[in-house]
C-alpha atoms as a PDB file:
ATOM      1  CA  MET A   1      93.685 156.329  37.892  1.00  0.00           C
ATOM      2  CA  ASN A   2      90.581 156.378  35.720  1.00  0.00           C
ATOM      3  CA  SER A   3      90.167 153.621  33.189  1.00  0.00           C
ATOM      4  CA  PRO A   4      89.293 154.700  29.655  1.00  0.00           C
ATOM      5  CA  GLN A   5      85.628 154.395  28.822  1.00  0.00           C
ATOM      6  CA  THR A   6      84.716 152.049  26.055  1.00  0.00           C
ATOM      7  CA  SER A   7      81.442 152.097  24.241  1.00  0.00           C
ATOM      8  CA  ALA A   8      79.177 149.093  24.558  1.00  0.00           C
ATOM      9  CA  PRO A   9      79.298 146.713  21.603  1.00  0.00           C
ATOM     10  CA  HIS A  10      76.516 147.127  19.104  1.00  0.00           C
ATOM     11  CA  THR A  11      73.654 144.665  19.381  1.00  0.00           C
ATOM     12  CA  PRO A  12      71.495 144.544  16.255  1.00  0.00           C
ATOM     13  CA  GLY A  13      67.903 143.612  16.906  1.00  0.00           C
ATOM     14  CA  VAL A  14      64.254 144.088  16.144  1.00  0.00           C
ATOM     15  CA  VAL A  15      61.639 145.518  18.465  1.00  0.00           C
ATOM     16  CA  LEU A  16      57.999 144.557  17.984  1.00  0.00           C
ATOM     17  CA  VAL A  17      55.277 147.064  18.819  1.00  0.00           C
ATOM     18  CA  THR A  18      51.558 146.980  18.040  1.00  0.00           C
ATOM     19  CA  VAL A  19      49.365 150.067  17.710  1.00  0.00           C
ATOM     20  CA  GLY A  20      45.675 150.595  17.078  1.00  0.00           C
ATOM     21  CA  SER A  21      45.720 152.413  13.737  1.00  0.00           C
ATOM     22  CA  GLU A  22      47.686 152.877  10.547  1.00  0.00           C
ATOM     23  CA  ALA A  23      48.058 156.599  11.278  1.00  0.00           C
ATOM     24  CA  GLU A  24      49.599 155.878  14.675  1.00  0.00           C
ATOM     25  CA  ALA A  25      51.932 153.309  13.097  1.00  0.00           C
ATOM     26  CA  GLN A  26      53.025 155.792  10.411  1.00  0.00           C
ATOM     27  CA  ASP A  27      53.581 158.612  12.907  1.00  0.00           C
ATOM     28  CA  LEU A  28      55.507 156.471  15.389  1.00  0.00           C
ATOM     29  CA  GLY A  29      57.617 154.813  12.698  1.00  0.00           C
ATOM     30  CA  HIS A  30      58.526 158.145  11.128  1.00  0.00           C
ATOM     31  CA  TYR A  31      59.486 159.625  14.504  1.00  0.00           C
ATOM     32  CA  LEU A  32      61.718 156.666  15.395  1.00  0.00           C
ATOM     33  CA  VAL A  33      63.607 156.815  12.086  1.00  0.00           C
ATOM     34  CA  GLU A  34      63.829 160.623  12.138  1.00  0.00           C
ATOM     35  CA  THR A  35      65.404 160.560  15.617  1.00  0.00           C
ATOM     36  CA  HIS A  36      67.819 157.705  14.780  1.00  0.00           C
ATOM     37  CA  LEU A  37      66.205 155.371  17.307  1.00  0.00           C
ATOM     38  CA  ALA A  38      65.466 153.040  14.382  1.00  0.00           C
ATOM     39  CA  ALA A  39      67.159 152.448  11.063  1.00  0.00           C
ATOM     40  CA  CYS A  40      63.956 151.142   9.494  1.00  0.00           C
ATOM     41  CA  VAL A  41      60.396 150.442  10.612  1.00  0.00           C
ATOM     42  CA  SER A  42      58.221 147.996   8.690  1.00  0.00           C
ATOM     43  CA  LEU A  43      54.452 148.263   9.134  1.00  0.00           C
ATOM     44  CA  MET A  44      51.923 145.453   8.749  1.00  0.00           C
ATOM     45  CA  PRO A  45      48.198 145.191   9.437  1.00  0.00           C
ATOM     46  CA  LEU A  46      47.195 142.245  11.608  1.00  0.00           C
ATOM     47  CA  GLN A  47      44.430 140.880  13.776  1.00  0.00           C
ATOM     48  CA  SER A  48      45.205 140.223  17.448  1.00  0.00           C
ATOM     49  CA  ILE A  49      43.357 138.024  19.909  1.00  0.00           C
ATOM     50  CA  TYR A  50      44.340 138.595  23.536  1.00  0.00           C
ATOM     51  CA  ARG A  51      42.991 138.768  27.063  1.00  0.00           C
ATOM     52  CA  TRP A  52      42.701 142.256  28.577  1.00  0.00           C
ATOM     53  CA  GLN A  53      41.169 142.992  31.976  1.00  0.00           C
ATOM     54  CA  GLY A  54      39.664 139.510  32.141  1.00  0.00           C
ATOM     55  CA  GLU A  55      37.986 139.606  28.728  1.00  0.00           C
ATOM     56  CA  VAL A  56      39.098 138.037  25.453  1.00  0.00           C
ATOM     57  CA  GLN A  57      39.518 140.776  22.862  1.00  0.00           C
ATOM     58  CA  ARG A  58      39.849 140.688  19.076  1.00  0.00           C
ATOM     59  CA  ASP A  59      41.177 143.815  17.373  1.00  0.00           C
ATOM     60  CA  GLN A  60      42.627 145.016  14.108  1.00  0.00           C
ATOM     61  CA  GLU A  61      46.076 146.410  14.863  1.00  0.00           C
ATOM     62  CA  TRP A  62      49.259 147.445  13.110  1.00  0.00           C
ATOM     63  CA  GLN A  63      52.575 145.740  13.846  1.00  0.00           C
ATOM     64  CA  LEU A  64      55.768 147.775  13.773  1.00  0.00           C
ATOM     65  CA  VAL A  65      58.970 145.807  13.200  1.00  0.00           C
ATOM     66  CA  ILE A  66      61.657 148.224  14.336  1.00  0.00           C
ATOM     67  CA  LYS A  67      65.252 147.538  13.250  1.00  0.00           C
ATOM     68  CA  THR A  68      67.629 149.078  15.758  1.00  0.00           C
ATOM     69  CA  ASP A  69      70.690 148.762  17.961  1.00  0.00           C
ATOM     70  CA  LEU A  70      69.356 147.160  21.140  1.00  0.00           C
ATOM     71  CA  ASN A  71      71.785 149.303  23.141  1.00  0.00           C
ATOM     72  CA  ARG A  72      69.288 152.097  22.331  1.00  0.00           C
ATOM     73  CA  PHE A  73      66.382 150.068  23.781  1.00  0.00           C
ATOM     74  CA  GLU A  74      65.817 152.241  26.844  1.00  0.00           C
ATOM     75  CA  ASP A  75      65.612 155.469  24.794  1.00  0.00           C
ATOM     76  CA  LEU A  76      63.473 153.689  22.198  1.00  0.00           C
ATOM     77  CA  SER A  77      61.131 152.325  24.862  1.00  0.00           C
ATOM     78  CA  VAL A  78      60.708 155.761  26.467  1.00  0.00           C
ATOM     79  CA  ALA A  79      59.934 157.355  23.081  1.00  0.00           C
ATOM     80  CA  ILE A  80      57.361 154.674  22.288  1.00  0.00           C
ATOM     81  CA  ARG A  81      55.642 154.948  25.667  1.00  0.00           C
ATOM     82  CA  GLN A  82      55.460 158.754  25.377  1.00  0.00           C
ATOM     83  CA  ARG A  83      53.679 158.531  22.013  1.00  0.00           C
ATOM     84  CA  HIS A  84      51.655 155.318  22.359  1.00  0.00           C
ATOM     85  CA  THR A  85      47.896 155.380  22.917  1.00  0.00           C
ATOM     86  CA  TYR A  86      47.639 152.022  24.762  1.00  0.00           C
ATOM     87  CA  ASP A  87      47.768 151.794  28.559  1.00  0.00           C
ATOM     88  CA  LEU A  88      50.188 148.863  28.249  1.00  0.00           C
ATOM     89  CA  PRO A  89      51.959 148.830  24.878  1.00  0.00           C
ATOM     90  CA  GLU A  90      53.678 145.754  23.522  1.00  0.00           C
ATOM     91  CA  ILE A  91      57.411 146.488  23.357  1.00  0.00           C
ATOM     92  CA  ILE A  92      59.366 143.269  22.768  1.00  0.00           C
ATOM     93  CA  ALA A  93      63.049 143.192  21.791  1.00  0.00           C
ATOM     94  CA  LEU A  94      64.598 140.307  19.876  1.00  0.00           C
ATOM     95  CA  PRO A  95      68.326 140.101  19.114  1.00  0.00           C
ATOM     96  CA  ILE A  96      69.451 139.431  15.566  1.00  0.00           C
ATOM     97  CA  THR A  97      71.914 136.559  15.778  1.00  0.00           C
ATOM     98  CA  GLN A  98      72.722 136.372  12.057  1.00  0.00           C
ATOM     99  CA  GLY A  99      72.297 138.745   9.154  1.00  0.00           C
ATOM    100  CA  LEU A 100      73.883 140.139   6.028  1.00  0.00           C
ATOM    101  CA  PRO A 101      76.928 141.975   7.448  1.00  0.00           C
ATOM    102  CA  ASP A 102      76.534 145.026   5.194  1.00  0.00           C
ATOM    103  CA  TYR A 103      72.860 145.391   6.211  1.00  0.00           C
ATOM    104  CA  LEU A 104      73.677 145.066   9.903  1.00  0.00           C
ATOM    105  CA  GLN A 105      76.450 147.673   9.567  1.00  0.00           C
ATOM    106  CA  TRP A 106      74.037 150.065   7.847  1.00  0.00           C
ATOM    107  CA  MET A 107      71.400 149.447  10.524  1.00  0.00           C
ATOM    108  CA  LEU A 108      73.810 150.159  13.371  1.00  0.00           C
ATOM    109  CA  ALA A 109      75.226 153.246  11.626  1.00  0.00           C
ATOM    110  CA  GLU A 110      71.714 154.673  11.218  1.00  0.00           C
ATOM    111  CA  THR A 111      70.925 154.261  14.924  1.00  0.00           C
ATOM    112  CA  ARG A 112      73.979 156.017  16.326  1.00  0.00           C
ATOM    113  CA  PRO A 113      72.976 158.839  18.656  1.00  0.00           C
ATOM    114  CA  SER A 114      73.391 162.285  17.102  1.00  0.00           C
END
């Protein structure tokens, strides 16, 4: 006898991604919201200092703060990697442990697969 399938519980979270230009940030953010992989994407300019291939680098970048259901992380990650210009993009997921319930409900509703 087959057991009924249940959907995984929703896991609200934010995913952090950096890109090299404002245009790339705008394009990626728009795509993620348009395809319901994100409910909202906030964009911020920043300066990053990091080590890459043995050298310390300093670059102007744009940070995307992607509000999503972390159950969509795999699809989100694939979409980001397909459109990202870096060899090794930052894609870091953080769960939201507390939040305004109405906002979290809206966020999860907006990221339901079509």
